[in-house]
Amino acid sequence: MGIKAKADVDLGESAHHLAERAIEEGRTFKLGPLDPRSRRIVHLTLKEVDGVVTKSEGEGVFRRVCIIPRDADGASHDDSGDDQDDRD
Protein backbone atom coordinates (compact mmCIF):
# COMPACT_ATOMS: atom_id res chain seq x y z
CA MET A 1 0.00 0.00 0.00
CA GLY A 2 1.37 3.38 -1.00
CA ILE A 3 1.76 6.39 1.25
CA LYS A 4 -1.29 8.19 -0.20
CA ALA A 5 -3.45 5.08 0.07
CA LYS A 6 -2.40 4.58 3.69
CA ALA A 7 -3.16 8.24 4.47
CA ASP A 8 -6.61 7.84 2.85
CA VAL A 9 -7.35 4.78 4.99
CA ASP A 10 -6.18 6.58 8.14
CA LEU A 11 -8.33 9.62 7.31
CA GLY A 12 -11.36 7.40 6.68
CA GLU A 13 -10.85 5.59 9.99
CA SER A 14 -10.53 8.90 11.85
CA ALA A 15 -13.69 10.19 10.16
CA HIS A 16 -15.61 7.04 11.19
CA HIS A 17 -14.39 7.40 14.77
CA LEU A 18 -15.50 11.04 14.93
CA ALA A 19 -18.86 10.14 13.35
CA GLU A 20 -19.43 7.58 16.10
CA ARG A 21 -18.56 10.17 18.74
CA ALA A 22 -20.84 12.76 17.10
CA ILE A 23 -23.73 10.29 17.28
CA GLU A 24 -22.98 9.19 20.86
CA GLU A 25 -22.36 12.69 22.22
CA GLY A 26 -24.91 14.50 20.06
CA ARG A 27 -22.48 17.23 19.06
CA THR A 28 -20.78 18.53 15.93
CA PHE A 29 -17.11 17.80 15.31
CA LYS A 30 -15.09 20.16 13.11
CA LEU A 31 -11.97 18.75 11.50
CA GLY A 32 -8.91 20.89 10.98
CA PRO A 33 -8.38 22.58 7.61
CA LEU A 34 -8.11 19.99 4.82
CA ASP A 35 -7.18 20.11 1.16
CA PRO A 36 -10.01 19.42 -1.35
CA ARG A 37 -8.99 15.77 -1.89
CA SER A 38 -9.04 15.02 1.83
CA ARG A 39 -12.39 16.78 2.33
CA ARG A 40 -13.85 14.70 -0.47
CA ILE A 41 -12.58 11.49 1.15
CA VAL A 42 -14.28 12.41 4.43
CA HIS A 43 -17.57 13.30 2.70
CA LEU A 44 -17.58 10.07 0.66
CA THR A 45 -16.53 7.92 3.62
CA LEU A 46 -19.38 9.20 5.80
CA LYS A 47 -22.00 9.52 3.06
CA GLU A 48 -23.64 6.19 3.94
CA VAL A 49 -23.22 6.43 7.72
CA ASP A 50 -26.64 6.66 9.38
CA GLY A 51 -26.88 9.31 12.04
CA VAL A 52 -24.51 11.95 10.64
CA VAL A 53 -24.31 14.47 7.84
CA THR A 54 -21.18 16.29 6.66
CA LYS A 55 -20.69 19.78 5.33
CA SER A 56 -17.75 21.97 4.45
CA GLU A 57 -17.29 25.45 5.85
CA GLY A 58 -14.68 28.15 5.57
CA GLU A 59 -12.70 29.61 2.71
CA GLY A 60 -9.59 28.58 0.83
CA VAL A 61 -6.87 26.86 2.85
CA PHE A 62 -9.03 27.22 5.98
CA ARG A 63 -11.90 25.12 4.56
CA ARG A 64 -12.84 22.26 6.90
CA VAL A 65 -15.39 19.46 7.24
CA CYS A 66 -18.05 19.41 9.96
CA ILE A 67 -19.47 16.06 11.08
CA ILE A 68 -22.99 16.77 12.34
CA PRO A 69 -25.22 14.28 14.21
CA ARG A 70 -28.83 13.78 13.11
CA ASP A 71 -31.92 13.27 15.26
CA ALA A 72 -34.05 10.17 14.78
CA ASP A 73 -36.31 12.33 12.57
CA GLY A 74 -33.37 13.22 10.33
CA ALA A 75 -32.80 16.79 11.52
CA SER A 76 -29.15 17.72 12.01
CA HIS A 77 -27.69 19.37 15.12
CA ASP A 78 -25.73 21.96 13.17
CA ASP A 79 -24.60 24.79 15.43
CA SER A 80 -24.54 27.26 12.52
CA GLY A 81 -28.27 26.91 11.84
CA ASP A 82 -27.61 25.79 8.26
CA ASP A 83 -28.81 22.23 7.62
CA GLN A 84 -27.35 22.15 4.12
CA ASP A 85 -25.22 19.17 3.17
CA ASP A 86 -22.47 21.01 1.25
CA ARG A 87 -20.28 18.35 -0.29
CA ASP A 88 -17.13 19.27 -2.24
PDB file of N, CA and C in Angstrom:
ATOM      1  N   MET A   1       0.848  -1.170   0.000  1.00  0.00           N
ATOM      2  CA  MET A   1       0.000   0.000   0.000  1.00  0.00           C
ATOM      3  C   MET A   1       0.895   1.235   0.000  1.00  0.00           C
ATOM      4  N   GLY A   2       0.583   2.167  -0.898  1.00  0.00           N
ATOM      5  CA  GLY A   2       1.371   3.383  -0.999  1.00  0.00           C
ATOM      6  C   GLY A   2       1.082   4.357   0.130  1.00  0.00           C
ATOM      7  N   ILE A   3       1.893   5.389   0.192  1.00  0.00           N
ATOM      8  CA  ILE A   3       1.757   6.385   1.252  1.00  0.00           C
ATOM      9  C   ILE A   3       0.409   7.097   1.175  1.00  0.00           C
ATOM     10  N   LYS A   4      -0.004   7.501  -0.047  1.00  0.00           N
ATOM     11  CA  LYS A   4      -1.290   8.186  -0.202  1.00  0.00           C
ATOM     12  C   LYS A   4      -2.447   7.279   0.181  1.00  0.00           C
ATOM     13  N   ALA A   5      -2.379   6.033  -0.251  1.00  0.00           N
ATOM     14  CA  ALA A   5      -3.449   5.079   0.066  1.00  0.00           C
ATOM     15  C   ALA A   5      -3.548   4.867   1.573  1.00  0.00           C
ATOM     16  N   LYS A   6      -2.418   4.759   2.239  1.00  0.00           N
ATOM     17  CA  LYS A   6      -2.400   4.583   3.695  1.00  0.00           C
ATOM     18  C   LYS A   6      -2.983   5.817   4.381  1.00  0.00           C
ATOM     19  N   ALA A   7      -2.630   7.001   3.899  1.00  0.00           N
ATOM     20  CA  ALA A   7      -3.163   8.240   4.469  1.00  0.00           C
ATOM     21  C   ALA A   7      -4.677   8.311   4.279  1.00  0.00           C
ATOM     22  N   ASP A   8      -5.165   7.857   3.110  1.00  0.00           N
ATOM     23  CA  ASP A   8      -6.608   7.835   2.846  1.00  0.00           C
ATOM     24  C   ASP A   8      -7.329   6.912   3.818  1.00  0.00           C
ATOM     25  N   VAL A   9      -6.758   5.742   4.052  1.00  0.00           N
ATOM     26  CA  VAL A   9      -7.349   4.778   4.991  1.00  0.00           C
ATOM     27  C   VAL A   9      -7.366   5.374   6.398  1.00  0.00           C
ATOM     28  N   ASP A  10      -6.259   5.967   6.810  1.00  0.00           N
ATOM     29  CA  ASP A  10      -6.181   6.583   8.142  1.00  0.00           C
ATOM     30  C   ASP A  10      -7.212   7.703   8.297  1.00  0.00           C
ATOM     31  N   LEU A  11      -7.356   8.529   7.271  1.00  0.00           N
ATOM     32  CA  LEU A  11      -8.325   9.622   7.308  1.00  0.00           C
ATOM     33  C   LEU A  11      -9.745   9.071   7.401  1.00  0.00           C
ATOM     34  N   GLY A  12     -10.037   8.032   6.632  1.00  0.00           N
ATOM     35  CA  GLY A  12     -11.355   7.404   6.682  1.00  0.00           C
ATOM     36  C   GLY A  12     -11.660   6.817   8.051  1.00  0.00           C
ATOM     37  N   GLU A  13     -10.662   6.167   8.649  1.00  0.00           N
ATOM     38  CA  GLU A  13     -10.849   5.591   9.991  1.00  0.00           C
ATOM     39  C   GLU A  13     -11.084   6.689  11.029  1.00  0.00           C
ATOM     40  N   SER A  14     -10.343   7.772  10.925  1.00  0.00           N
ATOM     41  CA  SER A  14     -10.530   8.897  11.847  1.00  0.00           C
ATOM     42  C   SER A  14     -11.918   9.508  11.682  1.00  0.00           C
ATOM     43  N   ALA A  15     -12.357   9.637  10.430  1.00  0.00           N
ATOM     44  CA  ALA A  15     -13.689  10.187  10.158  1.00  0.00           C
ATOM     45  C   ALA A  15     -14.775   9.297  10.759  1.00  0.00           C
ATOM     46  N   HIS A  16     -14.636   7.974  10.603  1.00  0.00           N
ATOM     47  CA  HIS A  16     -15.609   7.042  11.193  1.00  0.00           C
ATOM     48  C   HIS A  16     -15.636   7.163  12.715  1.00  0.00           C
ATOM     49  N   HIS A  17     -14.466   7.266  13.313  1.00  0.00           N
ATOM     50  CA  HIS A  17     -14.385   7.399  14.773  1.00  0.00           C
ATOM     51  C   HIS A  17     -15.099   8.672  15.238  1.00  0.00           C
ATOM     52  N   LEU A  18     -14.851   9.785  14.547  1.00  0.00           N
ATOM     53  CA  LEU A  18     -15.502  11.039  14.927  1.00  0.00           C
ATOM     54  C   LEU A  18     -17.000  11.000  14.667  1.00  0.00           C
ATOM     55  N   ALA A  19     -17.420  10.292  13.617  1.00  0.00           N
ATOM     56  CA  ALA A  19     -18.856  10.140  13.347  1.00  0.00           C
ATOM     57  C   ALA A  19     -19.529   9.386  14.487  1.00  0.00           C
ATOM     58  N   GLU A  20     -18.889   8.336  14.967  1.00  0.00           N
ATOM     59  CA  GLU A  20     -19.434   7.576  16.100  1.00  0.00           C
ATOM     60  C   GLU A  20     -19.549   8.465  17.335  1.00  0.00           C
ATOM     61  N   ARG A  21     -18.534   9.261  17.582  1.00  0.00           N
ATOM     62  CA  ARG A  21     -18.564  10.174  18.736  1.00  0.00           C
ATOM     63  C   ARG A  21     -19.648  11.234  18.575  1.00  0.00           C
ATOM     64  N   ALA A  22     -19.805  11.752  17.348  1.00  0.00           N
ATOM     65  CA  ALA A  22     -20.841  12.758  17.097  1.00  0.00           C
ATOM     66  C   ALA A  22     -22.221  12.191  17.414  1.00  0.00           C
ATOM     67  N   ILE A  23     -22.446  10.937  17.010  1.00  0.00           N
ATOM     68  CA  ILE A  23     -23.730  10.289  17.278  1.00  0.00           C
ATOM     69  C   ILE A  23     -23.910  10.068  18.780  1.00  0.00           C
ATOM     70  N   GLU A  24     -22.897   9.511  19.424  1.00  0.00           N
ATOM     71  CA  GLU A  24     -22.978   9.195  20.856  1.00  0.00           C
ATOM     72  C   GLU A  24     -23.131  10.445  21.722  1.00  0.00           C
ATOM     73  N   GLU A  25     -22.376  11.487  21.393  1.00  0.00           N
ATOM     74  CA  GLU A  25     -22.355  12.691  22.224  1.00  0.00           C
ATOM     75  C   GLU A  25     -23.359  13.740  21.773  1.00  0.00           C
ATOM     76  N   GLY A  26     -23.919  13.556  20.572  1.00  0.00           N
ATOM     77  CA  GLY A  26     -24.905  14.502  20.061  1.00  0.00           C
ATOM     78  C   GLY A  26     -24.346  15.884  19.791  1.00  0.00           C
ATOM     79  N   ARG A  27     -23.080  15.930  19.348  1.00  0.00           N
ATOM     80  CA  ARG A  27     -22.479  17.234  19.058  1.00  0.00           C
ATOM     81  C   ARG A  27     -21.705  17.197  17.747  1.00  0.00           C
ATOM     82  N   THR A  28     -21.499  18.375  17.187  1.00  0.00           N
ATOM     83  CA  THR A  28     -20.784  18.528  15.928  1.00  0.00           C
ATOM     84  C   THR A  28     -19.279  18.498  16.168  1.00  0.00           C
ATOM     85  N   PHE A  29     -18.569  17.803  15.292  1.00  0.00           N
ATOM     86  CA  PHE A  29     -17.110  17.801  15.313  1.00  0.00           C
ATOM     87  C   PHE A  29     -16.615  18.500  14.058  1.00  0.00           C
ATOM     88  N   LYS A  30     -15.681  19.431  14.229  1.00  0.00           N
ATOM     89  CA  LYS A  30     -15.090  20.156  13.109  1.00  0.00           C
ATOM     90  C   LYS A  30     -13.651  19.697  12.954  1.00  0.00           C
ATOM     91  N   LEU A  31     -13.331  19.172  11.784  1.00  0.00           N
ATOM     92  CA  LEU A  31     -11.967  18.752  11.498  1.00  0.00           C
ATOM     93  C   LEU A  31     -11.113  19.972  11.224  1.00  0.00           C
ATOM     94  N   GLY A  32      -9.818  19.810  11.323  1.00  0.00           N
ATOM     95  CA  GLY A  32      -8.910  20.891  10.977  1.00  0.00           C
ATOM     96  C   GLY A  32      -8.974  21.167   9.482  1.00  0.00           C
ATOM     97  N   PRO A  33      -8.387  22.266   9.043  1.00  0.00           N
ATOM     98  CA  PRO A  33      -8.384  22.576   7.613  1.00  0.00           C
ATOM     99  C   PRO A  33      -7.813  21.418   6.793  1.00  0.00           C
ATOM    100  N   LEU A  34      -8.510  21.096   5.695  1.00  0.00           N
ATOM    101  CA  LEU A  34      -8.106  19.990   4.820  1.00  0.00           C
ATOM    102  C   LEU A  34      -8.067  20.458   3.375  1.00  0.00           C
ATOM    103  N   ASP A  35      -7.214  19.828   2.587  1.00  0.00           N
ATOM    104  CA  ASP A  35      -7.180  20.105   1.156  1.00  0.00           C
ATOM    105  C   ASP A  35      -8.431  19.487   0.517  1.00  0.00           C
ATOM    106  N   PRO A  36      -8.781  19.909  -0.709  1.00  0.00           N
ATOM    107  CA  PRO A  36     -10.008  19.416  -1.350  1.00  0.00           C
ATOM    108  C   PRO A  36     -10.089  17.893  -1.441  1.00  0.00           C
ATOM    109  N   ARG A  37      -8.996  17.238  -1.758  1.00  0.00           N
ATOM    110  CA  ARG A  37      -8.994  15.774  -1.888  1.00  0.00           C
ATOM    111  C   ARG A  37      -9.351  15.108  -0.561  1.00  0.00           C
ATOM    112  N   SER A  38      -8.775  15.593   0.514  1.00  0.00           N
ATOM    113  CA  SER A  38      -9.044  15.022   1.834  1.00  0.00           C
ATOM    114  C   SER A  38     -10.481  15.288   2.274  1.00  0.00           C
ATOM    115  N   ARG A  39     -10.988  16.496   1.998  1.00  0.00           N
ATOM    116  CA  ARG A  39     -12.387  16.781   2.334  1.00  0.00           C
ATOM    117  C   ARG A  39     -13.317  15.838   1.590  1.00  0.00           C
ATOM    118  N   ARG A  40     -13.017  15.601   0.337  1.00  0.00           N
ATOM    119  CA  ARG A  40     -13.852  14.698  -0.465  1.00  0.00           C
ATOM    120  C   ARG A  40     -13.837  13.285   0.117  1.00  0.00           C
ATOM    121  N   ILE A  41     -12.683  12.822   0.550  1.00  0.00           N
ATOM    122  CA  ILE A  41     -12.576  11.488   1.153  1.00  0.00           C
ATOM    123  C   ILE A  41     -13.472  11.396   2.386  1.00  0.00           C
ATOM    124  N   VAL A  42     -13.443  12.424   3.230  1.00  0.00           N
ATOM    125  CA  VAL A  42     -14.283  12.412   4.435  1.00  0.00           C
ATOM    126  C   VAL A  42     -15.761  12.386   4.055  1.00  0.00           C
ATOM    127  N   HIS A  43     -16.159  13.267   3.119  1.00  0.00           N
ATOM    128  CA  HIS A  43     -17.567  13.301   2.697  1.00  0.00           C
ATOM    129  C   HIS A  43     -18.013  11.945   2.146  1.00  0.00           C
ATOM    130  N   LEU A  44     -17.207  11.357   1.271  1.00  0.00           N
ATOM    131  CA  LEU A  44     -17.580  10.075   0.664  1.00  0.00           C
ATOM    132  C   LEU A  44     -17.574   8.938   1.680  1.00  0.00           C
ATOM    133  N   THR A  45     -16.619   8.964   2.597  1.00  0.00           N
ATOM    134  CA  THR A  45     -16.531   7.922   3.620  1.00  0.00           C
ATOM    135  C   THR A  45     -17.766   7.920   4.512  1.00  0.00           C
ATOM    136  N   LEU A  46     -18.260   9.104   4.855  1.00  0.00           N
ATOM    137  CA  LEU A  46     -19.376   9.201   5.800  1.00  0.00           C
ATOM    138  C   LEU A  46     -20.740   9.335   5.126  1.00  0.00           C
ATOM    139  N   LYS A  47     -20.748   9.340   3.803  1.00  0.00           N
ATOM    140  CA  LYS A  47     -21.999   9.517   3.057  1.00  0.00           C
ATOM    141  C   LYS A  47     -23.062   8.502   3.459  1.00  0.00           C
ATOM    142  N   GLU A  48     -22.680   7.258   3.648  1.00  0.00           N
ATOM    143  CA  GLU A  48     -23.637   6.188   3.943  1.00  0.00           C
ATOM    144  C   GLU A  48     -23.773   5.882   5.435  1.00  0.00           C
ATOM    145  N   VAL A  49     -23.136   6.670   6.279  1.00  0.00           N
ATOM    146  CA  VAL A  49     -23.222   6.433   7.722  1.00  0.00           C
ATOM    147  C   VAL A  49     -24.526   7.037   8.238  1.00  0.00           C
ATOM    148  N   ASP A  50     -25.391   6.177   8.789  1.00  0.00           N
ATOM    149  CA  ASP A  50     -26.636   6.665   9.376  1.00  0.00           C
ATOM    150  C   ASP A  50     -26.322   7.467  10.628  1.00  0.00           C
ATOM    151  N   GLY A  51     -27.029   8.544  10.805  1.00  0.00           N
ATOM    152  CA  GLY A  51     -26.878   9.312  12.037  1.00  0.00           C
ATOM    153  C   GLY A  51     -26.004  10.541  11.940  1.00  0.00           C
ATOM    154  N   VAL A  52     -25.316  10.735  10.807  1.00  0.00           N
ATOM    155  CA  VAL A  52     -24.511  11.948  10.640  1.00  0.00           C
ATOM    156  C   VAL A  52     -24.670  12.505   9.231  1.00  0.00           C
ATOM    157  N   VAL A  53     -24.385  13.782   9.119  1.00  0.00           N
ATOM    158  CA  VAL A  53     -24.306  14.466   7.841  1.00  0.00           C
ATOM    159  C   VAL A  53     -23.012  15.278   7.874  1.00  0.00           C
ATOM    160  N   THR A  54     -22.405  15.486   6.718  1.00  0.00           N
ATOM    161  CA  THR A  54     -21.182  16.293   6.662  1.00  0.00           C
ATOM    162  C   THR A  54     -21.432  17.545   5.843  1.00  0.00           C
ATOM    163  N   LYS A  55     -20.671  18.572   6.152  1.00  0.00           N
ATOM    164  CA  LYS A  55     -20.689  19.783   5.332  1.00  0.00           C
ATOM    165  C   LYS A  55     -19.334  20.451   5.444  1.00  0.00           C
ATOM    166  N   SER A  56     -18.991  21.202   4.427  1.00  0.00           N
ATOM    167  CA  SER A  56     -17.748  21.971   4.448  1.00  0.00           C
ATOM    168  C   SER A  56     -18.067  23.407   4.812  1.00  0.00           C
ATOM    169  N   GLU A  57     -17.137  24.036   5.523  1.00  0.00           N
ATOM    170  CA  GLU A  57     -17.291  25.448   5.852  1.00  0.00           C
ATOM    171  C   GLU A  57     -15.925  26.109   5.802  1.00  0.00           C
ATOM    172  N   GLY A  58     -15.928  27.409   5.633  1.00  0.00           N
ATOM    173  CA  GLY A  58     -14.680  28.152   5.572  1.00  0.00           C
ATOM    174  C   GLY A  58     -14.297  28.475   4.144  1.00  0.00           C
ATOM    175  N   GLU A  59     -13.181  29.152   4.011  1.00  0.00           N
ATOM    176  CA  GLU A  59     -12.705  29.613   2.711  1.00  0.00           C
ATOM    177  C   GLU A  59     -11.268  29.173   2.475  1.00  0.00           C
ATOM    178  N   GLY A  60     -10.956  28.870   1.238  1.00  0.00           N
ATOM    179  CA  GLY A  60      -9.588  28.582   0.830  1.00  0.00           C
ATOM    180  C   GLY A  60      -8.891  27.523   1.659  1.00  0.00           C
ATOM    181  N   VAL A  61      -7.670  27.829   2.094  1.00  0.00           N
ATOM    182  CA  VAL A  61      -6.870  26.860   2.847  1.00  0.00           C
ATOM    183  C   VAL A  61      -7.437  26.598   4.240  1.00  0.00           C
ATOM    184  N   PHE A  62      -8.419  27.403   4.661  1.00  0.00           N
ATOM    185  CA  PHE A  62      -9.034  27.222   5.977  1.00  0.00           C
ATOM    186  C   PHE A  62     -10.330  26.413   5.911  1.00  0.00           C
ATOM    187  N   ARG A  63     -10.662  25.883   4.725  1.00  0.00           N
ATOM    188  CA  ARG A  63     -11.899  25.116   4.557  1.00  0.00           C
ATOM    189  C   ARG A  63     -11.787  23.804   5.326  1.00  0.00           C
ATOM    190  N   ARG A  64     -12.850  23.455   6.051  1.00  0.00           N
ATOM    191  CA  ARG A  64     -12.838  22.264   6.897  1.00  0.00           C
ATOM    192  C   ARG A  64     -14.155  21.513   6.767  1.00  0.00           C
ATOM    193  N   VAL A  65     -14.188  20.287   7.259  1.00  0.00           N
ATOM    194  CA  VAL A  65     -15.390  19.457   7.238  1.00  0.00           C
ATOM    195  C   VAL A  65     -15.982  19.416   8.639  1.00  0.00           C
ATOM    196  N   CYS A  66     -17.304  19.563   8.710  1.00  0.00           N
ATOM    197  CA  CYS A  66     -18.047  19.409   9.961  1.00  0.00           C
ATOM    198  C   CYS A  66     -18.797  18.084   9.895  1.00  0.00           C
ATOM    199  N   ILE A  67     -18.736  17.317  10.965  1.00  0.00           N
ATOM    200  CA  ILE A  67     -19.473  16.059  11.083  1.00  0.00           C
ATOM    201  C   ILE A  67     -20.594  16.329  12.077  1.00  0.00           C
ATOM    202  N   ILE A  68     -21.827  16.305  11.580  1.00  0.00           N
ATOM    203  CA  ILE A  68     -22.986  16.765  12.340  1.00  0.00           C
ATOM    204  C   ILE A  68     -23.926  15.596  12.622  1.00  0.00           C
ATOM    205  N   PRO A  69     -24.284  15.369  13.892  1.00  0.00           N
ATOM    206  CA  PRO A  69     -25.223  14.280  14.205  1.00  0.00           C
ATOM    207  C   PRO A  69     -26.639  14.635  13.769  1.00  0.00           C
ATOM    208  N   ARG A  70     -27.422  13.597  13.468  1.00  0.00           N
ATOM    209  CA  ARG A  70     -28.831  13.781  13.109  1.00  0.00           C
ATOM    210  C   ARG A  70     -29.712  13.229  14.219  1.00  0.00           C
ATOM    211  N   ASP A  71     -30.900  13.825  14.376  1.00  0.00           N
ATOM    212  CA  ASP A  71     -31.925  13.272  15.259  1.00  0.00           C
ATOM    213  C   ASP A  71     -32.524  12.043  14.603  1.00  0.00           C
ATOM    214  N   ALA A  72     -33.348  11.317  15.338  1.00  0.00           N
ATOM    215  CA  ALA A  72     -34.054  10.166  14.780  1.00  0.00           C
ATOM    216  C   ALA A  72     -34.961  10.592  13.628  1.00  0.00           C
ATOM    217  N   ASP A  73     -35.446  11.848  13.652  1.00  0.00           N
ATOM    218  CA  ASP A  73     -36.314  12.330  12.574  1.00  0.00           C
ATOM    219  C   ASP A  73     -35.524  12.870  11.388  1.00  0.00           C
ATOM    220  N   GLY A  74     -34.204  12.813  11.460  1.00  0.00           N
ATOM    221  CA  GLY A  74     -33.368  13.220  10.330  1.00  0.00           C
ATOM    222  C   GLY A  74     -32.849  14.642  10.406  1.00  0.00           C
ATOM    223  N   ALA A  75     -33.289  15.422  11.392  1.00  0.00           N
ATOM    224  CA  ALA A  75     -32.804  16.793  11.524  1.00  0.00           C
ATOM    225  C   ALA A  75     -31.376  16.777  12.059  1.00  0.00           C
ATOM    226  N   SER A  76     -30.543  17.674  11.543  1.00  0.00           N
ATOM    227  CA  SER A  76     -29.155  17.720  12.007  1.00  0.00           C
ATOM    228  C   SER A  76     -29.017  18.703  13.157  1.00  0.00           C
ATOM    229  N   HIS A  77     -27.997  18.499  13.976  1.00  0.00           N
ATOM    230  CA  HIS A  77     -27.690  19.366  15.117  1.00  0.00           C
ATOM    231  C   HIS A  77     -26.600  20.345  14.729  1.00  0.00           C
ATOM    232  N   ASP A  78     -26.756  21.040  13.645  1.00  0.00           N
ATOM    233  CA  ASP A  78     -25.733  21.962  13.168  1.00  0.00           C
ATOM    234  C   ASP A  78     -25.773  23.247  13.977  1.00  0.00           C
ATOM    235  N   ASP A  79     -24.668  23.593  14.596  1.00  0.00           N
ATOM    236  CA  ASP A  79     -24.596  24.790  15.432  1.00  0.00           C
ATOM    237  C   ASP A  79     -24.748  26.075  14.636  1.00  0.00           C
ATOM    238  N   SER A  80     -24.483  26.045  13.329  1.00  0.00           N
ATOM    239  CA  SER A  80     -24.540  27.258  12.524  1.00  0.00           C
ATOM    240  C   SER A  80     -25.949  27.591  12.077  1.00  0.00           C
ATOM    241  N   GLY A  81     -26.901  26.677  12.269  1.00  0.00           N
ATOM    242  CA  GLY A  81     -28.269  26.910  11.844  1.00  0.00           C
ATOM    243  C   GLY A  81     -28.508  26.597  10.386  1.00  0.00           C
ATOM    244  N   ASP A  82     -27.507  26.118   9.683  1.00  0.00           N
ATOM    245  CA  ASP A  82     -27.615  25.790   8.264  1.00  0.00           C
ATOM    246  C   ASP A  82     -27.587  24.281   8.112  1.00  0.00           C
ATOM    247  N   ASP A  83     -28.729  23.680   7.737  1.00  0.00           N
ATOM    248  CA  ASP A  83     -28.814  22.229   7.622  1.00  0.00           C
ATOM    249  C   ASP A  83     -28.396  21.716   6.249  1.00  0.00           C
ATOM    250  N   GLN A  84     -27.793  22.562   5.445  1.00  0.00           N
ATOM    251  CA  GLN A  84     -27.346  22.152   4.116  1.00  0.00           C
ATOM    252  C   GLN A  84     -26.258  21.100   4.212  1.00  0.00           C
ATOM    253  N   ASP A  85     -26.247  20.202   3.262  1.00  0.00           N
ATOM    254  CA  ASP A  85     -25.219  19.170   3.170  1.00  0.00           C
ATOM    255  C   ASP A  85     -24.306  19.571   2.018  1.00  0.00           C
ATOM    256  N   ASP A  86     -23.331  20.442   2.286  1.00  0.00           N
ATOM    257  CA  ASP A  86     -22.467  21.014   1.253  1.00  0.00           C
ATOM    258  C   ASP A  86     -21.277  20.119   1.002  1.00  0.00           C
ATOM    259  N   ARG A  87     -21.378  19.267   0.034  1.00  0.00           N
ATOM    260  CA  ARG A  87     -20.278  18.353  -0.288  1.00  0.00           C
ATOM    261  C   ARG A  87     -19.392  18.993  -1.341  1.00  0.00           C
ATOM    262  N   ASP A  88     -18.092  18.752  -1.240  1.00  0.00           N
ATOM    263  CA  ASP A  88     -17.133  19.266  -2.236  1.00  0.00           C
ATOM    264  C   ASP A  88     -17.152  18.391  -3.451  1.00  0.00           C
TER     265      ASP A  88
END
